[in-house]
Amino acid sequence: VYAGARDPRTITDPNVIPIRLGVTDPEQVAQAAAELTDVDVVINNAGVASVAPPLSTKLEDARQQLEVNYLGVLRVAQAFAPQLRNGGALVNMLSVASFRPLLNLSTYAASKAAAWSAPTIACSCPRRSSAARPSSSSPTPPRASPQSRSAPSRRWAS
């Protein structure tokens, strides 16, 4: 088991192999995917948030949230997709804010909503079996609105 972090020294579990992996650094992501050829499950767990109403949010904070929470997820998924095409799994740790934004977390919610759509890139990967498949960790949206009823679930079952 590998664990990626911007600073691998923060990973102290003796049962994992720490690697340097900042999802906003294209070179680090590409290097990790090139070196870790035995990976068949990738869990995207990086995330940042800032608390402010949308009209008071600093644009640099919103940009950072999009870079980490959406583009980072997409970058890691694209880099590891070739290894996952033969029955691997991609799991994106998201948030209920993906589909239930709160006023003071609206830019965070927007970045997570964008990431909610990202698993579809993995859905296009052919799979060998019905075992592990790409997944999103957020619960399926409530069926209260017509949009949520017709929206495909981002959760994959075995």
Protein backbone atom coordinates (compact mmCIF):
# COMPACT_ATOMS: atom_id res chain seq x y z
CA VAL A 1 0.00 0.00 0.00
CA TYR A 2 1.32 3.40 -1.01
CA ALA A 3 0.26 6.69 0.56
CA GLY A 4 0.88 9.92 -1.29
CA ALA A 5 1.31 13.32 0.33
CA ARG A 6 2.96 16.62 -0.52
CA ASP A 7 5.32 15.87 2.37
CA PRO A 8 5.89 12.10 2.72
CA ARG A 9 7.35 12.63 6.22
CA THR A 10 3.79 13.21 7.43
CA ILE A 11 2.96 9.58 6.68
CA THR A 12 3.88 7.63 9.79
CA ASP A 13 1.99 4.35 9.37
CA PRO A 14 4.63 1.60 9.14
CA ASN A 15 2.30 -0.50 6.96
CA VAL A 16 2.37 1.89 4.00
CA ILE A 17 5.06 3.15 1.66
CA PRO A 18 5.09 6.94 1.62
CA ILE A 19 5.52 8.74 -1.70
CA ARG A 20 5.74 12.43 -2.62
CA LEU A 21 2.52 13.26 -4.43
CA GLY A 22 1.00 16.69 -4.66
CA VAL A 23 -2.06 16.50 -6.92
CA THR A 24 -1.41 20.03 -8.18
CA ASP A 25 2.06 19.07 -9.46
CA PRO A 26 1.76 17.41 -12.89
CA GLU A 27 5.35 16.10 -12.77
CA GLN A 28 4.86 14.43 -9.37
CA VAL A 29 1.63 12.80 -10.50
CA ALA A 30 3.16 11.56 -13.76
CA GLN A 31 6.24 10.26 -11.94
CA ALA A 32 4.12 8.41 -9.37
CA ALA A 33 2.03 6.76 -12.09
CA ALA A 34 5.16 5.79 -14.04
CA GLU A 35 6.93 4.32 -11.01
CA LEU A 36 4.00 2.63 -9.25
CA THR A 37 3.08 0.16 -11.96
CA ASP A 38 1.61 -2.40 -9.53
CA VAL A 39 -1.28 -0.13 -8.45
CA ASP A 40 -4.78 -1.40 -9.17
CA VAL A 41 -6.78 0.75 -6.74
CA VAL A 42 -6.38 4.53 -6.55
CA ILE A 43 -8.11 6.53 -3.82
CA ASN A 44 -8.23 10.28 -4.46
CA ASN A 45 -8.47 11.84 -1.00
CA ALA A 46 -6.84 15.26 -1.47
CA GLY A 47 -9.00 18.26 -0.70
CA VAL A 48 -9.01 21.84 0.49
CA ALA A 49 -11.78 24.20 1.59
CA SER A 50 -12.22 27.81 2.53
CA VAL A 51 -15.20 29.17 4.39
CA ALA A 52 -16.78 32.33 3.01
CA PRO A 53 -19.94 33.37 1.19
CA PRO A 54 -19.45 33.36 -2.59
CA LEU A 55 -19.39 37.14 -3.01
CA SER A 56 -16.70 37.45 -0.30
CA THR A 57 -14.53 34.52 -1.37
CA LYS A 58 -11.04 35.39 -2.50
CA LEU A 59 -10.64 34.26 -6.10
CA GLU A 60 -7.26 32.70 -5.30
CA ASP A 61 -9.00 30.50 -2.68
CA ALA A 62 -11.65 29.44 -5.20
CA ARG A 63 -8.93 28.75 -7.77
CA GLN A 64 -6.96 26.61 -5.29
CA GLN A 65 -10.09 24.61 -4.44
CA LEU A 66 -10.72 23.93 -8.13
CA GLU A 67 -7.06 23.02 -8.68
CA VAL A 68 -6.96 20.52 -5.80
CA ASN A 69 -10.53 19.24 -5.53
CA TYR A 70 -11.33 18.92 -9.22
CA LEU A 71 -8.27 19.22 -11.44
CA GLY A 72 -6.15 17.21 -8.99
CA VAL A 73 -8.71 14.39 -9.05
CA LEU A 74 -8.79 14.51 -12.83
CA ARG A 75 -4.98 14.66 -13.11
CA VAL A 76 -4.50 11.59 -10.88
CA ALA A 77 -7.28 9.67 -12.67
CA GLN A 78 -5.77 10.39 -16.09
CA ALA A 79 -2.28 9.42 -14.95
CA PHE A 80 -3.32 6.09 -13.44
CA ALA A 81 -6.06 5.21 -15.97
CA PRO A 82 -3.81 2.97 -18.11
CA GLN A 83 -3.11 0.76 -15.08
CA LEU A 84 -6.76 0.65 -14.05
CA ARG A 85 -8.15 -0.38 -17.44
CA ASN A 86 -7.73 -4.09 -16.69
CA GLY A 87 -10.04 -4.35 -13.70
CA GLY A 88 -8.67 -1.69 -11.36
CA ALA A 89 -10.67 0.81 -9.35
CA LEU A 90 -10.71 4.58 -8.94
CA VAL A 91 -12.30 5.94 -5.75
CA ASN A 92 -12.84 9.68 -5.34
CA MET A 93 -13.43 10.88 -1.78
CA LEU A 94 -15.90 13.69 -2.26
CA SER A 95 -18.46 15.38 -0.04
CA VAL A 96 -22.19 15.75 0.37
CA ALA A 97 -21.42 19.35 -0.65
CA SER A 98 -21.08 17.94 -4.19
CA PHE A 99 -24.86 18.13 -4.48
CA ARG A 100 -25.97 19.96 -1.31
CA PRO A 101 -23.96 23.21 -1.16
CA LEU A 102 -24.03 25.50 1.84
CA LEU A 103 -23.74 29.26 1.43
CA ASN A 104 -20.39 29.58 3.20
CA LEU A 105 -18.95 26.59 1.35
CA SER A 106 -20.24 27.43 -2.12
CA THR A 107 -16.85 27.56 -3.89
CA TYR A 108 -15.81 24.34 -2.15
CA ALA A 109 -19.11 22.78 -3.20
CA ALA A 110 -18.56 23.91 -6.79
CA SER A 111 -15.16 22.23 -6.87
CA LYS A 112 -16.58 19.02 -5.39
CA ALA A 113 -19.53 19.11 -7.81
CA ALA A 114 -17.04 19.28 -10.67
CA ALA A 115 -15.20 16.30 -9.19
CA TRP A 116 -18.55 14.48 -8.87
CA SER A 117 -18.54 14.37 -12.68
CA ALA A 118 -14.93 13.18 -12.95
CA PRO A 119 -15.57 9.43 -12.36
CA THR A 120 -17.14 9.26 -15.80
CA ILE A 121 -13.62 9.26 -17.23
CA ALA A 122 -12.99 5.97 -15.49
CA CYS A 123 -16.36 4.58 -16.61
CA SER A 124 -15.09 4.52 -20.17
CA CYS A 125 -12.33 2.08 -19.16
CA PRO A 126 -13.17 -1.48 -20.24
CA ARG A 127 -13.20 -3.88 -17.34
CA ARG A 128 -12.38 -7.55 -17.05
CA SER A 129 -14.95 -8.46 -14.45
CA SER A 130 -17.70 -7.05 -12.32
CA ALA A 131 -15.38 -6.89 -9.30
CA ALA A 132 -13.83 -3.55 -8.29
CA ARG A 133 -14.95 -0.56 -10.34
CA PRO A 134 -14.49 3.21 -10.21
CA SER A 135 -16.42 4.80 -7.37
CA SER A 136 -17.29 8.02 -5.65
CA SER A 137 -17.52 7.95 -1.89
CA SER A 138 -20.35 10.44 -1.62
CA PRO A 139 -23.75 8.98 -0.93
CA THR A 140 -26.20 8.83 -3.79
CA PRO A 141 -28.19 12.09 -3.95
CA PRO A 142 -31.64 12.02 -2.37
CA ARG A 143 -34.47 11.33 -4.79
CA ALA A 144 -36.35 14.50 -3.93
CA SER A 145 -35.92 16.28 -7.25
CA PRO A 146 -36.47 15.19 -10.86
CA GLN A 147 -32.81 15.96 -11.60
CA SER A 148 -31.52 13.59 -8.93
CA ARG A 149 -33.92 10.86 -10.12
CA SER A 150 -32.62 11.04 -13.66
CA ALA A 151 -28.97 11.63 -12.76
CA PRO A 152 -26.80 8.51 -12.93
CA SER A 153 -25.36 7.35 -9.66
CA ARG A 154 -21.63 7.95 -9.22
CA ARG A 155 -21.43 4.94 -6.93
CA TRP A 156 -20.33 1.61 -8.36
CA ALA A 157 -21.49 -1.65 -6.91
CA SER A 158 -19.79 -4.98 -7.29
